[in-house]
Amino acid sequence: MSLAERVNTEIAASMKAKDPGRLSALRMLKAAIMNKGVEKGRDLDDAEVVQVVTSLVKQRRDSIEQFSKAGRNDLVEKETAEIAVLEGYLPPAASAGDIDAAVAAAIAETGAASPKDIGKVMKAVMPKLAGKHADGRTINEAVRRQLGA
């Protein structure tokens, strides 16, 4: 079963279970998947669905940051609950060891020596971590740490 099909079946299950928070998050995810499919002119494969989910999680994290600054704890809780639902559709997160190993390999591969080479290293690291859920900010921090920035 593809991820898009799984979303549809879980929407039905959430409706039967009368779980409005989960249902809302799943409907939002389905809409985002459909919009991206219309944009591409075809159904999305699982890798593209994962990209959609990742972008939605990133949007939610940015919103949480803004809502926290504004003191809107009710909205922070809502966004946090949505992230919990969305993360169920992401592959397992890359461990810190995996990220550090990929960064070290990319540094050796590119011959990077200074903080000026962060862009080159980031470009080399991202394909190494494909298929694993890894936050770009976390990867960037690991690159900066290893390059001594």
N, C-alpha and C. Protein backbone atom coordinates (compact mmCIF):
# COMPACT_ATOMS: atom_id res chain seq x y z
N MET A 1 0.84 -1.18 0.00
CA MET A 1 0.00 0.00 0.00
C MET A 1 0.89 1.25 0.00
N SER A 2 0.63 2.16 -0.90
CA SER A 2 1.43 3.39 -0.98
C SER A 2 1.07 4.30 0.19
N LEU A 3 1.91 5.30 0.41
CA LEU A 3 1.66 6.24 1.51
C LEU A 3 0.37 7.02 1.29
N ALA A 4 0.09 7.40 0.06
CA ALA A 4 -1.13 8.15 -0.22
C ALA A 4 -2.36 7.29 0.08
N GLU A 5 -2.31 6.01 -0.26
CA GLU A 5 -3.42 5.11 0.04
C GLU A 5 -3.56 4.93 1.55
N ARG A 6 -2.42 4.85 2.23
CA ARG A 6 -2.43 4.69 3.69
C ARG A 6 -3.09 5.90 4.35
N VAL A 7 -2.82 7.09 3.82
CA VAL A 7 -3.45 8.31 4.35
C VAL A 7 -4.97 8.19 4.22
N ASN A 8 -5.44 7.75 3.05
CA ASN A 8 -6.88 7.62 2.83
C ASN A 8 -7.52 6.63 3.79
N THR A 9 -6.89 5.49 4.01
CA THR A 9 -7.48 4.50 4.92
C THR A 9 -7.45 5.00 6.36
N GLU A 10 -6.42 5.74 6.72
CA GLU A 10 -6.36 6.26 8.08
C GLU A 10 -7.32 7.42 8.30
N ILE A 11 -7.67 8.13 7.23
CA ILE A 11 -8.72 9.15 7.35
C ILE A 11 -10.03 8.47 7.71
N ALA A 12 -10.35 7.39 7.01
CA ALA A 12 -11.58 6.66 7.30
C ALA A 12 -11.58 6.12 8.73
N ALA A 13 -10.44 5.58 9.16
CA ALA A 13 -10.34 5.05 10.52
C ALA A 13 -10.50 6.16 11.56
N SER A 14 -9.95 7.34 11.29
CA SER A 14 -10.08 8.46 12.22
C SER A 14 -11.51 8.96 12.29
N MET A 15 -12.20 8.90 11.16
CA MET A 15 -13.61 9.31 11.16
C MET A 15 -14.43 8.34 12.02
N LYS A 16 -14.18 7.05 11.86
CA LYS A 16 -14.91 6.05 12.64
C LYS A 16 -14.58 6.16 14.12
N ALA A 17 -13.32 6.49 14.44
CA ALA A 17 -12.89 6.60 15.83
C ALA A 17 -13.27 7.95 16.44
N LYS A 18 -13.82 8.84 15.62
CA LYS A 18 -14.20 10.19 16.06
C LYS A 18 -13.02 10.90 16.74
N ASP A 19 -11.89 10.93 16.00
CA ASP A 19 -10.67 11.58 16.47
C ASP A 19 -10.44 12.84 15.63
N PRO A 20 -11.03 13.99 16.04
CA PRO A 20 -10.97 15.19 15.19
C PRO A 20 -9.57 15.75 14.97
N GLY A 21 -8.69 15.66 15.95
CA GLY A 21 -7.34 16.21 15.79
C GLY A 21 -6.57 15.45 14.73
N ARG A 22 -6.59 14.12 14.82
CA ARG A 22 -5.90 13.28 13.85
C ARG A 22 -6.54 13.43 12.47
N LEU A 23 -7.86 13.47 12.43
CA LEU A 23 -8.58 13.61 11.17
C LEU A 23 -8.21 14.92 10.47
N SER A 24 -8.13 15.99 11.22
CA SER A 24 -7.77 17.29 10.65
C SER A 24 -6.37 17.25 10.04
N ALA A 25 -5.41 16.67 10.78
CA ALA A 25 -4.04 16.58 10.28
C ALA A 25 -3.97 15.72 9.03
N LEU A 26 -4.69 14.60 9.02
CA LEU A 26 -4.67 13.71 7.86
C LEU A 26 -5.31 14.36 6.64
N ARG A 27 -6.40 15.08 6.85
CA ARG A 27 -7.04 15.78 5.72
C ARG A 27 -6.11 16.84 5.14
N MET A 28 -5.41 17.55 6.02
CA MET A 28 -4.45 18.56 5.57
C MET A 28 -3.35 17.89 4.75
N LEU A 29 -2.88 16.73 5.21
CA LEU A 29 -1.85 15.99 4.49
C LEU A 29 -2.37 15.52 3.13
N LYS A 30 -3.58 15.00 3.10
CA LYS A 30 -4.16 14.53 1.84
C LYS A 30 -4.29 15.69 0.84
N ALA A 31 -4.72 16.84 1.33
CA ALA A 31 -4.85 18.01 0.45
C ALA A 31 -3.50 18.42 -0.11
N ALA A 32 -2.47 18.40 0.73
CA ALA A 32 -1.13 18.77 0.27
C ALA A 32 -0.62 17.77 -0.77
N ILE A 33 -0.89 16.49 -0.55
CA ILE A 33 -0.48 15.46 -1.52
C ILE A 33 -1.21 15.65 -2.83
N MET A 34 -2.51 15.92 -2.76
CA MET A 34 -3.30 16.12 -3.98
C MET A 34 -2.83 17.36 -4.73
N ASN A 35 -2.55 18.44 -4.00
CA ASN A 35 -2.08 19.68 -4.65
C ASN A 35 -0.76 19.46 -5.37
N LYS A 36 0.16 18.74 -4.72
CA LYS A 36 1.45 18.46 -5.34
C LYS A 36 1.26 17.56 -6.56
N GLY A 37 0.34 16.61 -6.48
CA GLY A 37 0.05 15.73 -7.61
C GLY A 37 -0.51 16.51 -8.80
N VAL A 38 -1.40 17.45 -8.52
CA VAL A 38 -1.95 18.28 -9.58
C VAL A 38 -0.84 19.14 -10.20
N GLU A 39 0.02 19.67 -9.35
CA GLU A 39 1.14 20.49 -9.82
C GLU A 39 2.05 19.69 -10.76
N LYS A 40 2.30 18.43 -10.41
CA LYS A 40 3.17 17.57 -11.23
C LYS A 40 2.43 16.93 -12.39
N GLY A 41 1.10 16.90 -12.32
CA GLY A 41 0.31 16.33 -13.41
C GLY A 41 0.24 14.81 -13.37
N ARG A 42 0.51 14.22 -12.20
CA ARG A 42 0.45 12.76 -12.05
C ARG A 42 0.38 12.43 -10.57
N ASP A 43 0.11 11.15 -10.27
CA ASP A 43 0.13 10.72 -8.87
C ASP A 43 1.57 10.72 -8.37
N LEU A 44 1.73 11.00 -7.10
CA LEU A 44 3.05 11.05 -6.49
C LEU A 44 3.50 9.65 -6.08
N ASP A 45 4.80 9.40 -6.18
CA ASP A 45 5.33 8.15 -5.64
C ASP A 45 5.63 8.37 -4.16
N ASP A 46 6.01 7.32 -3.47
CA ASP A 46 6.22 7.42 -2.02
C ASP A 46 7.33 8.40 -1.64
N ALA A 47 8.38 8.48 -2.43
CA ALA A 47 9.47 9.42 -2.13
C ALA A 47 8.97 10.86 -2.20
N GLU A 48 8.13 11.15 -3.16
CA GLU A 48 7.58 12.51 -3.29
C GLU A 48 6.60 12.80 -2.15
N VAL A 49 5.83 11.79 -1.72
CA VAL A 49 4.93 11.97 -0.59
C VAL A 49 5.74 12.27 0.67
N VAL A 50 6.86 11.59 0.84
CA VAL A 50 7.73 11.84 2.00
C VAL A 50 8.24 13.28 1.97
N GLN A 51 8.57 13.79 0.78
CA GLN A 51 9.01 15.19 0.67
C GLN A 51 7.89 16.14 1.09
N VAL A 52 6.65 15.83 0.69
CA VAL A 52 5.51 16.66 1.08
C VAL A 52 5.36 16.64 2.60
N VAL A 53 5.43 15.45 3.20
CA VAL A 53 5.29 15.33 4.64
C VAL A 53 6.42 16.10 5.35
N THR A 54 7.63 15.98 4.85
CA THR A 54 8.77 16.68 5.44
C THR A 54 8.56 18.18 5.41
N SER A 55 8.07 18.69 4.29
CA SER A 55 7.85 20.14 4.20
C SER A 55 6.74 20.58 5.15
N LEU A 56 5.70 19.75 5.31
CA LEU A 56 4.63 20.10 6.25
C LEU A 56 5.13 20.10 7.69
N VAL A 57 5.98 19.15 8.04
CA VAL A 57 6.55 19.10 9.39
C VAL A 57 7.40 20.35 9.62
N LYS A 58 8.19 20.71 8.61
CA LYS A 58 9.04 21.91 8.74
C LYS A 58 8.17 23.16 8.93
N GLN A 59 7.08 23.26 8.17
CA GLN A 59 6.17 24.39 8.33
C GLN A 59 5.59 24.43 9.74
N ARG A 60 5.22 23.27 10.26
CA ARG A 60 4.65 23.21 11.61
C ARG A 60 5.69 23.65 12.65
N ARG A 61 6.93 23.22 12.47
CA ARG A 61 7.98 23.61 13.44
C ARG A 61 8.21 25.12 13.41
N ASP A 62 8.19 25.70 12.21
CA ASP A 62 8.34 27.15 12.10
C ASP A 62 7.16 27.86 12.77
N SER A 63 5.96 27.32 12.58
CA SER A 63 4.77 27.91 13.20
C SER A 63 4.85 27.83 14.72
N ILE A 64 5.32 26.68 15.22
CA ILE A 64 5.46 26.52 16.67
C ILE A 64 6.38 27.58 17.24
N GLU A 65 7.48 27.82 16.53
CA GLU A 65 8.43 28.84 16.98
C GLU A 65 7.76 30.21 17.06
N GLN A 66 7.00 30.55 16.02
CA GLN A 66 6.32 31.85 15.99
C GLN A 66 5.23 31.95 17.06
N PHE A 67 4.44 30.87 17.20
CA PHE A 67 3.36 30.88 18.18
C PHE A 67 3.91 30.94 19.61
N SER A 68 5.05 30.32 19.84
CA SER A 68 5.67 30.36 21.17
C SER A 68 6.07 31.79 21.52
N LYS A 69 6.65 32.48 20.54
CA LYS A 69 7.06 33.87 20.76
C LYS A 69 5.85 34.75 21.06
N ALA A 70 4.72 34.42 20.43
CA ALA A 70 3.50 35.23 20.61
C ALA A 70 2.70 34.80 21.84
N GLY A 71 3.14 33.72 22.50
CA GLY A 71 2.44 33.26 23.69
C GLY A 71 1.14 32.52 23.40
N ARG A 72 1.00 31.98 22.20
CA ARG A 72 -0.22 31.25 21.81
C ARG A 72 -0.03 29.76 22.04
N ASN A 73 -0.08 29.35 23.30
CA ASN A 73 0.15 27.95 23.64
C ASN A 73 -0.90 27.01 23.08
N ASP A 74 -2.13 27.50 22.89
CA ASP A 74 -3.17 26.66 22.30
C ASP A 74 -2.79 26.25 20.89
N LEU A 75 -2.25 27.18 20.12
CA LEU A 75 -1.83 26.87 18.75
C LEU A 75 -0.56 26.03 18.73
N VAL A 76 0.32 26.23 19.70
CA VAL A 76 1.53 25.42 19.81
C VAL A 76 1.13 23.96 20.01
N GLU A 77 0.17 23.71 20.88
CA GLU A 77 -0.29 22.34 21.15
C GLU A 77 -0.90 21.72 19.90
N LYS A 78 -1.68 22.50 19.17
CA LYS A 78 -2.32 22.00 17.94
C LYS A 78 -1.26 21.60 16.91
N GLU A 79 -0.29 22.47 16.71
CA GLU A 79 0.77 22.20 15.74
C GLU A 79 1.62 21.00 16.17
N THR A 80 1.89 20.89 17.45
CA THR A 80 2.67 19.76 17.97
C THR A 80 1.93 18.45 17.73
N ALA A 81 0.62 18.46 17.94
CA ALA A 81 -0.18 17.25 17.69
C ALA A 81 -0.15 16.89 16.21
N GLU A 82 -0.20 17.89 15.34
CA GLU A 82 -0.14 17.62 13.90
C GLU A 82 1.21 17.02 13.51
N ILE A 83 2.29 17.52 14.10
CA ILE A 83 3.61 16.97 13.82
C ILE A 83 3.67 15.50 14.22
N ALA A 84 3.08 15.17 15.36
CA ALA A 84 3.09 13.78 15.83
C ALA A 84 2.39 12.87 14.82
N VAL A 85 1.30 13.33 14.23
CA VAL A 85 0.59 12.54 13.22
C VAL A 85 1.43 12.44 11.95
N LEU A 86 1.98 13.55 11.50
CA LEU A 86 2.75 13.58 10.26
C LEU A 86 4.01 12.73 10.33
N GLU A 87 4.67 12.72 11.49
CA GLU A 87 5.91 11.97 11.61
C GLU A 87 5.71 10.47 11.46
N GLY A 88 4.46 10.01 11.59
CA GLY A 88 4.16 8.61 11.36
C GLY A 88 4.34 8.20 9.90
N TYR A 89 4.43 9.17 9.01
CA TYR A 89 4.59 8.90 7.58
C TYR A 89 6.01 9.11 7.10
N LEU A 90 6.90 9.43 8.02
CA LEU A 90 8.30 9.64 7.65
C LEU A 90 9.12 8.40 7.95
N PRO A 91 10.18 8.17 7.17
CA PRO A 91 11.07 7.05 7.49
C PRO A 91 11.77 7.31 8.82
N PRO A 92 12.39 6.28 9.39
CA PRO A 92 13.08 6.49 10.67
C PRO A 92 14.12 7.60 10.56
N ALA A 93 14.24 8.35 11.62
CA ALA A 93 15.19 9.47 11.63
C ALA A 93 16.62 8.95 11.64
N ALA A 94 17.49 9.68 10.97
CA ALA A 94 18.91 9.34 10.96
C ALA A 94 19.48 9.65 12.35
N SER A 95 20.29 8.75 12.85
CA SER A 95 20.89 8.96 14.17
C SER A 95 22.03 9.98 14.06
N ALA A 96 22.43 10.50 15.19
CA ALA A 96 23.54 11.46 15.21
C ALA A 96 24.81 10.81 14.67
N GLY A 97 24.99 9.54 14.95
CA GLY A 97 26.16 8.81 14.44
C GLY A 97 26.13 8.70 12.93
N ASP A 98 24.93 8.41 12.37
CA ASP A 98 24.79 8.33 10.91
C ASP A 98 25.12 9.67 10.27
N ILE A 99 24.60 10.74 10.86
CA ILE A 99 24.83 12.08 10.31
C ILE A 99 26.31 12.43 10.38
N ASP A 100 26.94 12.19 11.54
CA ASP A 100 28.35 12.51 11.69
C ASP A 100 29.21 11.70 10.71
N ALA A 101 28.88 10.42 10.51
CA ALA A 101 29.64 9.59 9.58
C ALA A 101 29.49 10.09 8.15
N ALA A 102 28.26 10.47 7.76
CA ALA A 102 28.02 10.97 6.42
C ALA A 102 28.74 12.30 6.20
N VAL A 103 28.74 13.15 7.22
CA VAL A 103 29.43 14.44 7.13
C VAL A 103 30.94 14.23 7.00
N ALA A 104 31.49 13.33 7.80
CA ALA A 104 32.93 13.06 7.73
C ALA A 104 33.31 12.52 6.35
N ALA A 105 32.49 11.62 5.81
CA ALA A 105 32.75 11.08 4.47
C ALA A 105 32.68 12.17 3.42
N ALA A 106 31.70 13.07 3.55
CA ALA A 106 31.55 14.15 2.58
C ALA A 106 32.71 15.13 2.67
N ILE A 107 33.20 15.40 3.86
CA ILE A 107 34.33 16.30 4.02
C ILE A 107 35.57 15.69 3.36
N ALA A 108 35.78 14.40 3.59
CA ALA A 108 36.93 13.73 2.97
C ALA A 108 36.79 13.71 1.45
N GLU A 109 35.57 13.49 0.99
CA GLU A 109 35.30 13.40 -0.45
C GLU A 109 35.51 14.73 -1.16
N THR A 110 35.09 15.82 -0.52
CA THR A 110 35.19 17.13 -1.15
C THR A 110 36.50 17.84 -0.85
N GLY A 111 37.24 17.36 0.14
CA GLY A 111 38.49 18.01 0.52
C GLY A 111 38.25 19.33 1.23
N ALA A 112 37.09 19.48 1.86
CA ALA A 112 36.75 20.72 2.55
C ALA A 112 37.66 20.89 3.76
N ALA A 113 38.06 22.14 4.00
CA ALA A 113 38.97 22.40 5.11
C ALA A 113 38.54 23.57 5.98
N SER A 114 37.67 24.42 5.46
CA SER A 114 37.31 25.61 6.23
C SER A 114 35.80 25.82 6.17
N PRO A 115 35.31 26.72 7.03
CA PRO A 115 33.87 27.02 7.02
C PRO A 115 33.36 27.55 5.67
N LYS A 116 34.25 28.02 4.81
CA LYS A 116 33.83 28.51 3.49
C LYS A 116 33.30 27.36 2.62
N ASP A 117 33.65 26.13 2.98
CA ASP A 117 33.28 24.96 2.17
C ASP A 117 31.98 24.30 2.63
N ILE A 118 31.24 24.95 3.52
CA ILE A 118 30.01 24.35 4.06
C ILE A 118 29.04 23.98 2.93
N GLY A 119 28.88 24.84 1.96
CA GLY A 119 27.96 24.57 0.84
C GLY A 119 28.33 23.32 0.07
N LYS A 120 29.62 23.16 -0.23
CA LYS A 120 30.08 21.96 -0.95
C LYS A 120 29.79 20.70 -0.14
N VAL A 121 30.07 20.76 1.16
CA VAL A 121 29.87 19.59 2.01
C VAL A 121 28.38 19.26 2.12
N MET A 122 27.55 20.28 2.30
CA MET A 122 26.10 20.05 2.40
C MET A 122 25.58 19.37 1.13
N LYS A 123 26.06 19.83 -0.03
CA LYS A 123 25.64 19.26 -1.30
C LYS A 123 26.04 17.79 -1.40
N ALA A 124 27.18 17.42 -0.83
CA ALA A 124 27.66 16.04 -0.88
C ALA A 124 26.99 15.17 0.18
N VAL A 125 26.61 15.75 1.31
CA VAL A 125 26.02 14.97 2.41
C VAL A 125 24.58 14.57 2.12
N MET A 126 23.79 15.47 1.56
CA MET A 126 22.36 15.22 1.40
C MET A 126 22.06 13.91 0.65
N PRO A 127 22.73 13.59 -0.46
CA PRO A 127 22.43 12.31 -1.12
C PRO A 127 22.80 11.10 -0.25
N LYS A 128 23.81 11.24 0.59
CA LYS A 128 24.22 10.13 1.46
C LYS A 128 23.15 9.79 2.48
N LEU A 129 22.35 10.80 2.86
CA LEU A 129 21.31 10.59 3.86
C LEU A 129 19.93 10.44 3.24
N ALA A 130 19.87 10.29 1.92
CA ALA A 130 18.59 10.10 1.25
C ALA A 130 17.96 8.80 1.75
N GLY A 131 16.65 8.82 1.95
CA GLY A 131 15.96 7.65 2.45
C GLY A 131 15.87 7.62 3.96
N LYS A 132 16.65 8.47 4.61
CA LYS A 132 16.57 8.59 6.07
C LYS A 132 16.06 9.98 6.36
N HIS A 133 15.22 10.09 7.33
CA HIS A 133 14.68 11.40 7.71
C HIS A 133 15.74 12.16 8.49
N ALA A 134 16.26 13.22 7.90
CA ALA A 134 17.29 14.03 8.56
C ALA A 134 16.97 15.50 8.34
N ASP A 135 16.93 16.25 9.41
CA ASP A 135 16.63 17.67 9.36
C ASP A 135 17.84 18.43 8.83
N GLY A 136 17.63 19.29 7.85
CA GLY A 136 18.71 20.05 7.25
C GLY A 136 19.47 20.91 8.26
N ARG A 137 18.75 21.44 9.23
CA ARG A 137 19.38 22.27 10.25
C ARG A 137 20.36 21.44 11.08
N THR A 138 19.95 20.21 11.43
CA THR A 138 20.82 19.32 12.21
C THR A 138 22.07 18.96 11.42
N ILE A 139 21.88 18.68 10.13
CA ILE A 139 23.01 18.33 9.27
C ILE A 139 23.97 19.52 9.16
N ASN A 140 23.41 20.71 8.98
CA ASN A 140 24.22 21.91 8.86
C ASN A 140 25.04 22.13 10.13
N GLU A 141 24.43 21.91 11.30
CA GLU A 141 25.16 22.07 12.57
C GLU A 141 26.31 21.07 12.65
N ALA A 142 26.06 19.83 12.20
CA ALA A 142 27.12 18.81 12.22
C ALA A 142 28.27 19.20 11.29
N VAL A 143 27.93 19.74 10.12
CA VAL A 143 28.96 20.18 9.17
C VAL A 143 29.77 21.31 9.78
N ARG A 144 29.10 22.29 10.36
CA ARG A 144 29.79 23.43 10.99
C ARG A 144 30.70 22.96 12.12
N ARG A 145 30.21 22.02 12.93
CA ARG A 145 30.99 21.51 14.05
C ARG A 145 32.26 20.81 13.56
N GLN A 146 32.13 19.99 12.50
CA GLN A 146 33.29 19.24 12.01
C GLN A 146 34.26 20.12 11.24
N LEU A 147 33.76 21.21 10.64
CA LEU A 147 34.67 22.11 9.92
C LEU A 147 35.23 23.19 10.87
N GLY A 148 34.77 23.20 12.10
CA GLY A 148 35.30 24.16 13.07
C GLY A 148 34.76 25.55 12.88
N ALA A 149 33.54 25.65 12.37
CA ALA A 149 32.94 26.99 12.15
C ALA A 149 32.36 27.53 13.43
